């Protein structure tokens, strides 16, 4: 449960009294609770007394950026941000409805239509507990190589999770990126879109959270939905009706997912390390 000092601070920030708290699953990194307030307005709180600097602050900025896309998805409103905790609007989970998955895909496509003139972001953030560099680049191949793959390769080799032979193969991969990815405008991405980071609310609207946002190639988000089993067919139908994917996407899914696989290799080791090396070798 919430440390007493944190309870007092949240009550002060919200100008409300905490009546009860209920532990909820908050992922592998943070503690999380649902708070019932005397205002009748429940909130979600996650905290980590050893959180990396700015982790919750940049998560809040990511949620606000996704919300600004106005795509019909429910993004938790940020109530309070701090160095070691984050207070969000509580959103009640439901079972969805017949068209929920279709509308979810349609809404994500609208998020992806939010664009800018660079790949990256005006600040760095995190994917899981790992730092995520978002230095701006003019082209997707440069951003993908230098800000997504290279930092993870370096981390993996230095920790001996990846073998040094991967360094040769990844250099060969970098040279091919420009001919593999179709040229598209930068898209606002959720950045960590797997089944654990969305739900359907009681009204049937999709809610997305725990983002790792940046402006990137939209196929990164769609590929990640396929990494751990995939979303429903209606989700992809709704997406393509709004913003059709370019031909050949199926052949690029594995390459797009190299980034999250490398992240998992660095976080958890094991079979993810060989999976990452095999992906790189297959494109070298």
C-alpha atoms as a PDB file:
ATOM      1  CA  UNK A   1       0.000   0.000   0.000  1.00  0.00           C
ATOM      2  CA  UNK A   2       0.981   3.635  -0.334  1.00  0.00           C
ATOM      3  CA  UNK A   3       3.666   4.851   2.073  1.00  0.00           C
ATOM      4  CA  UNK A   4       2.164   7.236   4.601  1.00  0.00           C
ATOM      5  CA  UNK A   5       4.239  10.212   3.443  1.00  0.00           C
ATOM      6  CA  UNK A   6       3.068   9.641  -0.110  1.00  0.00           C
ATOM      7  CA  UNK A   7      -0.554   9.430   1.016  1.00  0.00           C
ATOM      8  CA  UNK A   8      -0.290  12.828   2.679  1.00  0.00           C
ATOM      9  CA  UNK A   9       1.336  14.372  -0.367  1.00  0.00           C
ATOM     10  CA  UNK A  10      -1.315  13.053  -2.736  1.00  0.00           C
ATOM     11  CA  UNK A  11      -4.104  14.258  -0.460  1.00  0.00           C
ATOM     12  CA  UNK A  12      -2.511  17.688  -0.432  1.00  0.00           C
ATOM     13  CA  UNK A  13      -2.031  17.787  -4.212  1.00  0.00           C
ATOM     14  CA  UNK A  14      -5.611  16.667  -4.896  1.00  0.00           C
ATOM     15  CA  UNK A  15      -7.150  18.596  -2.017  1.00  0.00           C
ATOM     16  CA  UNK A  16      -9.010  15.427  -1.072  1.00  0.00           C
ATOM     17  CA  UNK A  17      -8.978  12.740   1.611  1.00  0.00           C
ATOM     18  CA  UNK A  18      -8.134   9.140   0.767  1.00  0.00           C
ATOM     19  CA  UNK A  19     -10.956   6.917   2.019  1.00  0.00           C
ATOM     20  CA  UNK A  20      -9.598   3.577   0.818  1.00  0.00           C
ATOM     21  CA  UNK A  21      -6.977   2.018  -1.394  1.00  0.00           C
ATOM     22  CA  UNK A  22      -6.866  -1.219  -3.332  1.00  0.00           C
ATOM     23  CA  UNK A  23      -3.741  -2.769  -4.766  1.00  0.00           C
ATOM     24  CA  UNK A  24      -3.817  -3.308  -8.532  1.00  0.00           C
ATOM     25  CA  UNK A  25      -1.372  -4.850 -10.964  1.00  0.00           C
ATOM     26  CA  UNK A  26       1.054  -2.154 -12.093  1.00  0.00           C
ATOM     27  CA  UNK A  27       3.487  -4.127 -14.202  1.00  0.00           C
ATOM     28  CA  UNK A  28       6.991  -5.340 -13.374  1.00  0.00           C
ATOM     29  CA  UNK A  29       8.466  -1.968 -12.437  1.00  0.00           C
ATOM     30  CA  UNK A  30       6.132   0.003 -10.185  1.00  0.00           C
ATOM     31  CA  UNK A  31       3.663  -0.404  -7.338  1.00  0.00           C
ATOM     32  CA  UNK A  32       0.079   0.601  -8.107  1.00  0.00           C
ATOM     33  CA  UNK A  33      -3.175   1.245  -6.250  1.00  0.00           C
ATOM     34  CA  UNK A  34      -6.690   2.466  -6.884  1.00  0.00           C
ATOM     35  CA  UNK A  35      -7.624   5.240  -4.449  1.00  0.00           C
ATOM     36  CA  UNK A  36     -11.150   6.119  -3.438  1.00  0.00           C
ATOM     37  CA  UNK A  37     -11.383   9.792  -2.470  1.00  0.00           C
ATOM     38  CA  UNK A  38     -13.915  11.708  -0.446  1.00  0.00           C
ATOM     39  CA  UNK A  39     -14.678  13.660  -3.626  1.00  0.00           C
ATOM     40  CA  UNK A  40     -16.104  10.457  -5.117  1.00  0.00           C
ATOM     41  CA  UNK A  41     -13.496  10.579  -7.868  1.00  0.00           C
ATOM     42  CA  UNK A  42     -11.297   7.436  -7.875  1.00  0.00           C
ATOM     43  CA  UNK A  43      -7.733   7.734  -9.152  1.00  0.00           C
ATOM     44  CA  UNK A  44      -4.949   5.393 -10.196  1.00  0.00           C
ATOM     45  CA  UNK A  45      -1.556   5.862  -8.561  1.00  0.00           C
ATOM     46  CA  UNK A  46       1.709   4.200  -9.402  1.00  0.00           C
ATOM     47  CA  UNK A  47       4.923   4.858  -7.606  1.00  0.00           C
ATOM     48  CA  UNK A  48       8.524   3.771  -7.361  1.00  0.00           C
ATOM     49  CA  UNK A  49      10.812   5.239  -4.742  1.00  0.00           C
ATOM     50  CA  UNK A  50      13.817   4.307  -6.898  1.00  0.00           C
ATOM     51  CA  UNK A  51      12.407   5.462 -10.225  1.00  0.00           C
ATOM     52  CA  UNK A  52      14.892   6.683 -12.833  1.00  0.00           C
ATOM     53  CA  UNK A  53      15.017  10.456 -13.049  1.00  0.00           C
ATOM     54  CA  UNK A  54      12.020  11.956 -14.885  1.00  0.00           C
ATOM     55  CA  UNK A  55      10.448   8.555 -15.604  1.00  0.00           C
ATOM     56  CA  UNK A  56       6.972   9.552 -14.425  1.00  0.00           C
ATOM     57  CA  UNK A  57       7.255  13.061 -15.783  1.00  0.00           C
ATOM     58  CA  UNK A  58       7.949  11.902 -19.329  1.00  0.00           C
ATOM     59  CA  UNK A  59       5.240   9.246 -19.075  1.00  0.00           C
ATOM     60  CA  UNK A  60       2.777  12.011 -18.244  1.00  0.00           C
ATOM     61  CA  UNK A  61       3.985  14.019 -21.237  1.00  0.00           C
ATOM     62  CA  UNK A  62       3.502  10.981 -23.451  1.00  0.00           C
ATOM     63  CA  UNK A  63      -0.073  10.480 -22.276  1.00  0.00           C
ATOM     64  CA  UNK A  64      -0.844  14.137 -22.878  1.00  0.00           C
ATOM     65  CA  UNK A  65       0.644  13.962 -26.371  1.00  0.00           C
ATOM     66  CA  UNK A  66      -1.473  10.924 -27.249  1.00  0.00           C
ATOM     67  CA  UNK A  67      -4.550  12.653 -25.859  1.00  0.00           C
ATOM     68  CA  UNK A  68      -3.866  15.714 -27.995  1.00  0.00           C
ATOM     69  CA  UNK A  69      -4.292  13.579 -31.122  1.00  0.00           C
ATOM     70  CA  UNK A  70      -8.053  13.599 -30.470  1.00  0.00           C
ATOM     71  CA  UNK A  71      -8.515  10.159 -32.023  1.00  0.00           C
ATOM     72  CA  UNK A  72     -11.445   8.867 -29.995  1.00  0.00           C
ATOM     73  CA  UNK A  73      -9.364   6.618 -27.756  1.00  0.00           C
ATOM     74  CA  UNK A  74      -9.536   7.086 -23.996  1.00  0.00           C
ATOM     75  CA  UNK A  75      -6.204   8.227 -22.602  1.00  0.00           C
ATOM     76  CA  UNK A  76      -5.956   8.481 -18.800  1.00  0.00           C
ATOM     77  CA  UNK A  77      -5.926  12.136 -17.774  1.00  0.00           C
ATOM     78  CA  UNK A  78      -2.891  13.166 -15.738  1.00  0.00           C
ATOM     79  CA  UNK A  79      -3.812  14.447 -12.279  1.00  0.00           C
ATOM     80  CA  UNK A  80      -0.439  14.794 -10.526  1.00  0.00           C
ATOM     81  CA  UNK A  81       3.146  14.142 -11.613  1.00  0.00           C
ATOM     82  CA  UNK A  82       6.216  13.790  -9.441  1.00  0.00           C
ATOM     83  CA  UNK A  83       9.695  12.309  -9.516  1.00  0.00           C
ATOM     84  CA  UNK A  84       8.561   9.098  -7.820  1.00  0.00           C
ATOM     85  CA  UNK A  85       4.819   8.821  -8.439  1.00  0.00           C
ATOM     86  CA  UNK A  86       2.089   9.508 -10.978  1.00  0.00           C
ATOM     87  CA  UNK A  87      -1.619  10.059 -10.327  1.00  0.00           C
ATOM     88  CA  UNK A  88      -3.976   9.355 -13.221  1.00  0.00           C
ATOM     89  CA  UNK A  89      -7.678   9.287 -13.866  1.00  0.00           C
ATOM     90  CA  UNK A  90      -9.149   5.904 -12.927  1.00  0.00           C
ATOM     91  CA  UNK A  91     -10.678   4.157 -15.937  1.00  0.00           C
ATOM     92  CA  UNK A  92     -12.974   1.216 -15.322  1.00  0.00           C
ATOM     93  CA  UNK A  93     -12.342  -1.841 -17.449  1.00  0.00           C
ATOM     94  CA  UNK A  94     -15.212  -3.501 -19.310  1.00  0.00           C
ATOM     95  CA  UNK A  95     -15.781  -6.236 -21.821  1.00  0.00           C
ATOM     96  CA  UNK A  96     -15.949  -4.139 -24.956  1.00  0.00           C
ATOM     97  CA  UNK A  97     -18.683  -4.435 -27.535  1.00  0.00           C
ATOM     98  CA  UNK A  98     -19.081  -5.811 -31.035  1.00  0.00           C
ATOM     99  CA  UNK A  99     -17.242  -2.990 -32.805  1.00  0.00           C
ATOM    100  CA  UNK A 100     -14.732  -2.145 -30.062  1.00  0.00           C
ATOM    101  CA  UNK A 101     -11.708  -3.746 -31.750  1.00  0.00           C
ATOM    102  CA  UNK A 102     -12.567  -2.176 -35.102  1.00  0.00           C
ATOM    103  CA  UNK A 103     -12.940   1.254 -33.500  1.00  0.00           C
ATOM    104  CA  UNK A 104      -9.669   0.742 -31.631  1.00  0.00           C
ATOM    105  CA  UNK A 105      -7.786   0.100 -34.867  1.00  0.00           C
ATOM    106  CA  UNK A 106      -9.541   3.022 -36.500  1.00  0.00           C
ATOM    107  CA  UNK A 107      -8.601   5.308 -33.609  1.00  0.00           C
ATOM    108  CA  UNK A 108      -4.963   4.213 -33.611  1.00  0.00           C
ATOM    109  CA  UNK A 109      -4.786   5.002 -37.330  1.00  0.00           C
ATOM    110  CA  UNK A 110      -5.966   8.526 -36.515  1.00  0.00           C
ATOM    111  CA  UNK A 111      -3.254   8.839 -33.865  1.00  0.00           C
ATOM    112  CA  UNK A 112      -0.719   7.803 -36.509  1.00  0.00           C
ATOM    113  CA  UNK A 113      -1.919  10.598 -38.782  1.00  0.00           C
ATOM    114  CA  UNK A 114      -0.522  13.073 -36.237  1.00  0.00           C
ATOM    115  CA  UNK A 115       2.800  14.019 -37.763  1.00  0.00           C
ATOM    116  CA  UNK A 116       5.741  16.389 -37.572  1.00  0.00           C
ATOM    117  CA  UNK A 117       8.834  17.132 -39.663  1.00  0.00           C
ATOM    118  CA  UNK A 118      11.286  14.794 -37.912  1.00  0.00           C
ATOM    119  CA  UNK A 119      11.631  11.286 -36.507  1.00  0.00           C
ATOM    120  CA  UNK A 120      12.133  11.365 -32.758  1.00  0.00           C
ATOM    121  CA  UNK A 121      10.867  13.638 -30.002  1.00  0.00           C
ATOM    122  CA  UNK A 122      11.885  16.805 -28.212  1.00  0.00           C
ATOM    123  CA  UNK A 123      12.842  14.777 -25.124  1.00  0.00           C
ATOM    124  CA  UNK A 124      14.055  11.300 -24.235  1.00  0.00           C
ATOM    125  CA  UNK A 125      11.888   8.856 -22.312  1.00  0.00           C
ATOM    126  CA  UNK A 126      11.766   5.174 -21.367  1.00  0.00           C
ATOM    127  CA  UNK A 127      10.612   1.833 -22.692  1.00  0.00           C
ATOM    128  CA  UNK A 128       9.987  -0.278 -19.633  1.00  0.00           C
ATOM    129  CA  UNK A 129      12.756   0.756 -17.274  1.00  0.00           C
ATOM    130  CA  UNK A 130      15.319   1.215 -20.057  1.00  0.00           C
ATOM    131  CA  UNK A 131      16.169   4.703 -21.338  1.00  0.00           C
ATOM    132  CA  UNK A 132      14.890   5.477 -24.831  1.00  0.00           C
ATOM    133  CA  UNK A 133      16.821   8.002 -26.896  1.00  0.00           C
ATOM    134  CA  UNK A 134      14.693  10.202 -29.161  1.00  0.00           C
ATOM    135  CA  UNK A 135      17.311  12.423 -30.809  1.00  0.00           C
ATOM    136  CA  UNK A 136      15.717  13.876 -33.940  1.00  0.00           C
ATOM    137  CA  UNK A 137      16.625  12.618 -37.419  1.00  0.00           C
ATOM    138  CA  UNK A 138      15.417  13.567 -40.874  1.00  0.00           C
ATOM    139  CA  UNK A 139      15.012   9.966 -42.065  1.00  0.00           C
ATOM    140  CA  UNK A 140      13.536   6.827 -40.542  1.00  0.00           C
ATOM    141  CA  UNK A 141      16.486   4.532 -41.404  1.00  0.00           C
ATOM    142  CA  UNK A 142      18.871   6.862 -39.540  1.00  0.00           C
ATOM    143  CA  UNK A 143      16.584   7.109 -36.524  1.00  0.00           C
ATOM    144  CA  UNK A 144      15.860   3.376 -36.432  1.00  0.00           C
ATOM    145  CA  UNK A 145      19.561   2.481 -36.641  1.00  0.00           C
ATOM    146  CA  UNK A 146      21.053   5.124 -34.361  1.00  0.00           C
ATOM    147  CA  UNK A 147      18.349   5.667 -31.733  1.00  0.00           C
ATOM    148  CA  UNK A 148      16.579   2.313 -31.567  1.00  0.00           C
ATOM    149  CA  UNK A 149      18.872  -0.542 -32.546  1.00  0.00           C
ATOM    150  CA  UNK A 150      22.406   0.721 -31.827  1.00  0.00           C
ATOM    151  CA  UNK A 151      21.870   1.621 -28.119  1.00  0.00           C
ATOM    152  CA  UNK A 152      20.327  -1.785 -27.462  1.00  0.00           C
ATOM    153  CA  UNK A 153      23.110  -3.597 -29.332  1.00  0.00           C
ATOM    154  CA  UNK A 154      25.754  -1.728 -27.351  1.00  0.00           C
ATOM    155  CA  UNK A 155      24.021  -2.509 -24.067  1.00  0.00           C
ATOM    156  CA  UNK A 156      23.635  -6.178 -24.955  1.00  0.00           C
ATOM    157  CA  UNK A 157      27.238  -6.659 -26.072  1.00  0.00           C
ATOM    158  CA  UNK A 158      28.662  -4.850 -23.037  1.00  0.00           C
ATOM    159  CA  UNK A 159      26.615  -7.053 -20.702  1.00  0.00           C
ATOM    160  CA  UNK A 160      27.581 -10.203 -22.653  1.00  0.00           C
ATOM    161  CA  UNK A 161      23.947 -10.956 -23.399  1.00  0.00           C
ATOM    162  CA  UNK A 162      24.712 -10.602 -27.116  1.00  0.00           C
ATOM    163  CA  UNK A 163      27.743 -12.089 -28.844  1.00  0.00           C
ATOM    164  CA  UNK A 164      30.243  -9.737 -30.473  1.00  0.00           C
ATOM    165  CA  UNK A 165      29.588 -11.256 -33.891  1.00  0.00           C
ATOM    166  CA  UNK A 166      26.304  -9.368 -33.929  1.00  0.00           C
ATOM    167  CA  UNK A 167      28.264  -6.141 -34.453  1.00  0.00           C
ATOM    168  CA  UNK A 168      29.286  -7.169 -37.955  1.00  0.00           C
ATOM    169  CA  UNK A 169      25.822  -8.344 -38.908  1.00  0.00           C
ATOM    170  CA  UNK A 170      24.042  -5.246 -37.630  1.00  0.00           C
ATOM    171  CA  UNK A 171      26.307  -2.967 -39.676  1.00  0.00           C
ATOM    172  CA  UNK A 172      25.255  -4.889 -42.780  1.00  0.00           C
ATOM    173  CA  UNK A 173      21.621  -4.521 -41.744  1.00  0.00           C
ATOM    174  CA  UNK A 174      21.931  -0.746 -41.368  1.00  0.00           C
ATOM    175  CA  UNK A 175      23.027  -0.414 -44.981  1.00  0.00           C
ATOM    176  CA  UNK A 176      19.842  -2.102 -46.195  1.00  0.00           C
ATOM    177  CA  UNK A 177      17.269  -0.176 -44.147  1.00  0.00           C
ATOM    178  CA  UNK A 178      16.666   2.486 -46.772  1.00  0.00           C
ATOM    179  CA  UNK A 179      15.590  -0.128 -49.291  1.00  0.00           C
ATOM    180  CA  UNK A 180      13.452  -2.108 -46.841  1.00  0.00           C
ATOM    181  CA  UNK A 181      11.150   0.481 -45.262  1.00  0.00           C
ATOM    182  CA  UNK A 182       8.666   2.430 -47.398  1.00  0.00           C
ATOM    183  CA  UNK A 183       9.084   6.183 -47.121  1.00  0.00           C
ATOM    184  CA  UNK A 184       6.357   7.714 -44.939  1.00  0.00           C
ATOM    185  CA  UNK A 185       5.827  10.803 -42.829  1.00  0.00           C
ATOM    186  CA  UNK A 186       6.696  10.488 -39.128  1.00  0.00           C
ATOM    187  CA  UNK A 187       3.722   9.171 -37.151  1.00  0.00           C
ATOM    188  CA  UNK A 188       2.913   9.727 -33.496  1.00  0.00           C
ATOM    189  CA  UNK A 189       3.442   6.295 -31.934  1.00  0.00           C
ATOM    190  CA  UNK A 190       2.365   4.763 -28.648  1.00  0.00           C
ATOM    191  CA  UNK A 191       5.728   3.021 -28.737  1.00  0.00           C
ATOM    192  CA  UNK A 192       4.987   0.018 -26.509  1.00  0.00           C
ATOM    193  CA  UNK A 193       1.705  -1.270 -27.876  1.00  0.00           C
ATOM    194  CA  UNK A 194       1.233  -4.822 -26.658  1.00  0.00           C
ATOM    195  CA  UNK A 195      -1.841  -6.426 -25.122  1.00  0.00           C
ATOM    196  CA  UNK A 196      -0.873  -5.388 -21.580  1.00  0.00           C
ATOM    197  CA  UNK A 197      -1.010  -1.694 -22.453  1.00  0.00           C
ATOM    198  CA  UNK A 198      -4.597  -1.368 -23.577  1.00  0.00           C
ATOM    199  CA  UNK A 199      -8.058  -2.340 -22.398  1.00  0.00           C
ATOM    200  CA  UNK A 200     -11.666  -1.792 -23.345  1.00  0.00           C
ATOM    201  CA  UNK A 201     -13.629   0.375 -20.968  1.00  0.00           C
ATOM    202  CA  UNK A 202     -17.173  -0.212 -19.708  1.00  0.00           C
ATOM    203  CA  UNK A 203     -18.439   1.955 -22.578  1.00  0.00           C
ATOM    204  CA  UNK A 204     -16.530  -0.176 -25.082  1.00  0.00           C
ATOM    205  CA  UNK A 205     -13.947   2.471 -25.958  1.00  0.00           C
ATOM    206  CA  UNK A 206     -10.311   1.399 -26.123  1.00  0.00           C
ATOM    207  CA  UNK A 207      -7.972   2.946 -23.566  1.00  0.00           C
ATOM    208  CA  UNK A 208      -4.190   2.959 -24.107  1.00  0.00           C
ATOM    209  CA  UNK A 209      -1.582   3.733 -21.450  1.00  0.00           C
ATOM    210  CA  UNK A 210       2.043   3.106 -20.377  1.00  0.00           C
ATOM    211  CA  UNK A 211       3.368   4.731 -23.560  1.00  0.00           C
ATOM    212  CA  UNK A 212       6.907   5.121 -24.883  1.00  0.00           C
ATOM    213  CA  UNK A 213       5.958   7.794 -27.399  1.00  0.00           C
ATOM    214  CA  UNK A 214       7.942   9.249 -30.277  1.00  0.00           C
ATOM    215  CA  UNK A 215       7.403  10.147 -33.911  1.00  0.00           C
ATOM    216  CA  UNK A 216       8.440   7.144 -35.939  1.00  0.00           C
ATOM    217  CA  UNK A 217       7.396   4.736 -38.670  1.00  0.00           C
ATOM    218  CA  UNK A 218       3.824   3.652 -37.957  1.00  0.00           C
ATOM    219  CA  UNK A 219       4.612   0.040 -38.796  1.00  0.00           C
ATOM    220  CA  UNK A 220       6.487  -0.141 -35.476  1.00  0.00           C
ATOM    221  CA  UNK A 221       3.243   0.091 -33.491  1.00  0.00           C
ATOM    222  CA  UNK A 222       1.350  -2.323 -35.721  1.00  0.00           C
ATOM    223  CA  UNK A 223       4.180  -4.859 -35.728  1.00  0.00           C
ATOM    224  CA  UNK A 224       4.360  -4.813 -31.941  1.00  0.00           C
ATOM    225  CA  UNK A 225       0.685  -5.732 -31.713  1.00  0.00           C
ATOM    226  CA  UNK A 226       1.737  -8.971 -33.430  1.00  0.00           C
ATOM    227  CA  UNK A 227       4.723  -9.715 -31.188  1.00  0.00           C
ATOM    228  CA  UNK A 228       2.872 -11.579 -28.440  1.00  0.00           C
ATOM    229  CA  UNK A 229       0.028 -13.185 -30.350  1.00  0.00           C
ATOM    230  CA  UNK A 230      -1.615 -10.291 -32.135  1.00  0.00           C
ATOM    231  CA  UNK A 231      -4.804  -8.320 -31.660  1.00  0.00           C
ATOM    232  CA  UNK A 232      -8.148  -9.332 -33.165  1.00  0.00           C
ATOM    233  CA  UNK A 233      -8.696  -9.301 -36.930  1.00  0.00           C
ATOM    234  CA  UNK A 234     -11.248  -6.505 -36.508  1.00  0.00           C
ATOM    235  CA  UNK A 235      -8.537  -4.259 -35.057  1.00  0.00           C
ATOM    236  CA  UNK A 236      -6.455  -4.518 -38.243  1.00  0.00           C
ATOM    237  CA  UNK A 237      -9.531  -4.082 -40.407  1.00  0.00           C
ATOM    238  CA  UNK A 238     -10.404  -0.864 -38.606  1.00  0.00           C
ATOM    239  CA  UNK A 239      -6.835   0.379 -38.956  1.00  0.00           C
ATOM    240  CA  UNK A 240      -6.559  -0.313 -42.666  1.00  0.00           C
ATOM    241  CA  UNK A 241      -9.947   1.212 -43.431  1.00  0.00           C
ATOM    242  CA  UNK A 242      -8.653   4.511 -42.000  1.00  0.00           C
ATOM    243  CA  UNK A 243      -4.942   4.399 -42.941  1.00  0.00           C
ATOM    244  CA  UNK A 244      -3.993   1.411 -45.146  1.00  0.00           C
ATOM    245  CA  UNK A 245      -0.581  -0.110 -44.546  1.00  0.00           C
ATOM    246  CA  UNK A 246       1.886  -0.146 -47.406  1.00  0.00           C
ATOM    247  CA  UNK A 247       2.378  -3.313 -49.456  1.00  0.00           C
ATOM    248  CA  UNK A 248       4.919  -5.708 -47.997  1.00  0.00           C
ATOM    249  CA  UNK A 249       4.203  -4.926 -44.348  1.00  0.00           C
ATOM    250  CA  UNK A 250       4.023  -8.633 -43.472  1.00  0.00           C
ATOM    251  CA  UNK A 251       7.623  -9.007 -44.624  1.00  0.00           C
ATOM    252  CA  UNK A 252       8.770  -6.157 -42.372  1.00  0.00           C
ATOM    253  CA  UNK A 253       7.076  -7.212 -39.118  1.00  0.00           C
ATOM    254  CA  UNK A 254      10.068  -9.178 -37.865  1.00  0.00           C
ATOM    255  CA  UNK A 255      12.454  -6.298 -38.554  1.00  0.00           C
ATOM    256  CA  UNK A 256      10.177  -3.777 -36.838  1.00  0.00           C
ATOM    257  CA  UNK A 257      10.020  -6.048 -33.814  1.00  0.00           C
ATOM    258  CA  UNK A 258      13.797  -6.261 -33.575  1.00  0.00           C
ATOM    259  CA  UNK A 259      13.664  -3.244 -31.281  1.00  0.00           C
ATOM    260  CA  UNK A 260      11.268  -4.655 -28.657  1.00  0.00           C
ATOM    261  CA  UNK A 261      13.008  -8.034 -28.868  1.00  0.00           C
ATOM    262  CA  UNK A 262      16.342  -6.337 -28.118  1.00  0.00           C
ATOM    263  CA  UNK A 263      14.713  -4.471 -25.235  1.00  0.00           C
ATOM    264  CA  UNK A 264      13.476  -7.786 -23.836  1.00  0.00           C
ATOM    265  CA  UNK A 265      16.932  -9.301 -24.364  1.00  0.00           C
ATOM    266  CA  UNK A 266      18.515  -6.552 -22.294  1.00  0.00           C
ATOM    267  CA  UNK A 267      15.827  -6.700 -19.607  1.00  0.00           C
ATOM    268  CA  UNK A 268      15.339 -10.441 -19.303  1.00  0.00           C
ATOM    269  CA  UNK A 269      18.096 -12.199 -21.266  1.00  0.00           C
ATOM    270  CA  UNK A 270      17.382 -15.820 -22.155  1.00  0.00           C
ATOM    271  CA  UNK A 271      15.899 -16.778 -25.510  1.00  0.00           C
ATOM    272  CA  UNK A 272      15.291 -13.137 -26.459  1.00  0.00           C
ATOM    273  CA  UNK A 273      19.042 -12.753 -27.003  1.00  0.00           C
ATOM    274  CA  UNK A 274      19.240 -15.516 -29.604  1.00  0.00           C
ATOM    275  CA  UNK A 275      15.982 -14.343 -31.175  1.00  0.00           C
ATOM    276  CA  UNK A 276      17.443 -10.855 -31.652  1.00  0.00           C
ATOM    277  CA  UNK A 277      20.668 -12.204 -33.131  1.00  0.00           C
ATOM    278  CA  UNK A 278      18.740 -14.460 -35.502  1.00  0.00           C
ATOM    279  CA  UNK A 279      16.643 -11.537 -36.749  1.00  0.00           C
ATOM    280  CA  UNK A 280      19.740  -9.444 -37.412  1.00  0.00           C
ATOM    281  CA  UNK A 281      21.562 -12.305 -39.111  1.00  0.00           C
ATOM    282  CA  UNK A 282      18.581 -12.974 -41.387  1.00  0.00           C
ATOM    283  CA  UNK A 283      18.814  -9.422 -42.780  1.00  0.00           C
ATOM    284  CA  UNK A 284      22.618  -9.131 -42.855  1.00  0.00           C
END
